[in-house]
Amino acid sequence: MIPKLRNRGILQLICGLAMTVALIALALSSRRQVHRMSDERILVLIFLYFGSVTMWMVGSFTLARAKGHGRDTIGGIFLFLLLLGFCLPIAPFVFPGLVIFGLKDRTRERSRWH
């Protein structure tokens, strides 16, 4: 793995996790007040949802680049899972596992040849 991209990807995934926790906490606190949910709270929930999904996907994309995969290779998977993520909300959370455990580390192959 490329250390600079690995660290950036981990930081982005941590930010995505923090945004997801904030989203869940805000949604659970809003659930108790169902009869009167303000428009601002709904807007914050929507922005947190899109922000957390985006951070999960960007962090996964950065980790894939850290493993030596090009933007064009991962771009197709990224686009497919981004579209799938809006239909099936669990997909962005599966992508980091796919990148970490499913993709081959190409940086080790390059280092053997040099």
Protein backbone atom coordinates (compact mmCIF):
# COMPACT_ATOMS: atom_id res chain seq x y z
CA MET A 1 0.00 0.00 0.00
CA ILE A 2 1.03 3.55 -0.59
CA PRO A 3 1.29 5.06 2.92
CA LYS A 4 0.17 8.59 2.01
CA LEU A 5 -3.02 7.40 0.30
CA ARG A 6 -3.64 4.74 2.96
CA ASN A 7 -3.54 7.34 5.75
CA ARG A 8 -5.77 9.71 3.79
CA GLY A 9 -8.26 6.89 3.12
CA ILE A 10 -8.35 5.85 6.77
CA LEU A 11 -8.93 9.47 7.82
CA GLN A 12 -11.78 9.79 5.31
CA LEU A 13 -13.36 6.56 6.58
CA ILE A 14 -13.09 7.82 10.17
CA CYS A 15 -14.85 11.04 9.12
CA GLY A 16 -17.52 8.97 7.38
CA LEU A 17 -17.96 6.87 10.51
CA ALA A 18 -18.28 9.99 12.68
CA MET A 19 -20.88 11.44 10.32
CA THR A 20 -22.79 8.15 10.36
CA VAL A 21 -22.80 8.08 14.16
CA ALA A 22 -24.02 11.70 14.22
CA LEU A 23 -26.72 10.82 11.70
CA ILE A 24 -27.94 7.86 13.76
CA ALA A 25 -27.86 9.85 17.01
CA LEU A 26 -29.80 12.74 15.46
CA ALA A 27 -32.31 10.39 13.84
CA LEU A 28 -32.91 8.56 17.11
CA SER A 29 -33.37 11.81 19.02
CA SER A 30 -35.78 13.00 16.32
CA ARG A 31 -37.72 9.76 16.53
CA ARG A 32 -38.88 10.65 20.01
CA GLN A 33 -40.24 13.94 18.71
CA VAL A 34 -42.19 12.55 15.74
CA HIS A 35 -45.15 14.85 16.15
CA ARG A 36 -43.03 17.96 15.64
CA MET A 37 -39.91 17.59 13.49
CA SER A 38 -38.63 20.91 12.23
CA ASP A 39 -37.60 21.56 8.66
CA GLU A 40 -34.07 22.42 9.74
CA ARG A 41 -33.66 19.04 11.43
CA ILE A 42 -34.88 17.23 8.31
CA LEU A 43 -32.44 19.23 6.20
CA VAL A 44 -29.57 18.40 8.56
CA LEU A 45 -30.48 14.69 8.40
CA ILE A 46 -30.49 14.77 4.60
CA PHE A 47 -27.12 16.55 4.44
CA LEU A 48 -25.62 14.16 6.99
CA TYR A 49 -26.86 11.17 5.01
CA PHE A 50 -25.42 12.37 1.70
CA GLY A 51 -22.22 13.53 3.41
CA SER A 52 -21.65 10.23 5.18
CA VAL A 53 -22.33 8.16 2.04
CA THR A 54 -19.95 10.39 0.08
CA MET A 55 -17.21 10.11 2.72
CA TRP A 56 -17.53 6.30 2.85
CA MET A 57 -17.27 6.08 -0.94
CA VAL A 58 -14.38 8.57 -1.26
CA GLY A 59 -12.47 6.88 1.57
CA SER A 60 -12.90 3.51 -0.11
CA PHE A 61 -11.81 4.95 -3.45
CA THR A 62 -8.67 6.39 -1.83
CA LEU A 63 -7.86 3.04 -0.20
CA ALA A 64 -8.22 1.33 -3.57
CA ARG A 65 -5.77 3.82 -5.06
CA ALA A 66 -3.43 3.10 -2.12
CA LYS A 67 -3.48 -0.55 -3.14
CA GLY A 68 -2.19 0.42 -6.57
CA HIS A 69 -5.38 0.31 -8.60
CA GLY A 70 -5.94 3.04 -11.16
CA ARG A 71 -8.78 5.50 -11.19
CA ASP A 72 -10.30 3.92 -14.27
CA THR A 73 -10.39 0.43 -12.72
CA ILE A 74 -12.01 1.54 -9.50
CA GLY A 75 -14.14 4.20 -11.20
CA GLY A 76 -16.53 1.64 -12.63
CA ILE A 77 -16.98 -0.10 -9.30
CA PHE A 78 -17.29 3.27 -7.57
CA LEU A 79 -19.99 4.49 -9.97
CA PHE A 80 -21.94 1.23 -9.74
CA LEU A 81 -21.89 1.20 -5.95
CA LEU A 82 -22.69 4.91 -5.75
CA LEU A 83 -25.84 4.38 -7.80
CA LEU A 84 -26.61 1.18 -5.93
CA GLY A 85 -26.04 3.04 -2.65
CA PHE A 86 -29.01 5.30 -3.24
CA CYS A 87 -31.26 2.31 -3.95
CA LEU A 88 -29.77 0.04 -1.30
CA PRO A 89 -28.39 2.19 1.54
CA ILE A 90 -26.04 -0.51 2.91
CA ALA A 91 -23.87 -0.62 -0.26
CA PRO A 92 -21.48 2.26 0.64
CA PHE A 93 -20.67 0.52 3.92
CA VAL A 94 -19.80 -2.71 2.09
CA PHE A 95 -17.38 -1.01 -0.32
CA PRO A 96 -14.54 -0.52 2.24
CA GLY A 97 -14.63 -4.24 3.05
CA LEU A 98 -14.56 -5.05 -0.65
CA VAL A 99 -11.54 -2.81 -1.14
CA ILE A 100 -9.61 -4.01 1.91
CA PHE A 101 -10.28 -7.74 1.62
CA GLY A 102 -11.29 -8.24 -2.01
CA LEU A 103 -8.80 -6.25 -4.06
CA LYS A 104 -5.29 -7.46 -4.69
CA ASP A 105 -2.43 -5.23 -3.57
CA ARG A 106 -0.67 -4.20 -6.78
CA THR A 107 2.01 -2.12 -5.09
CA ARG A 108 3.88 -5.24 -3.98
CA GLU A 109 4.14 -6.44 -7.58
CA ARG A 110 5.65 -3.13 -8.63
CA SER A 111 8.19 -3.11 -5.84
CA ARG A 112 9.49 -6.58 -6.84
CA TRP A 113 10.35 -5.41 -10.33
CA HIS A 114 12.31 -2.34 -9.25
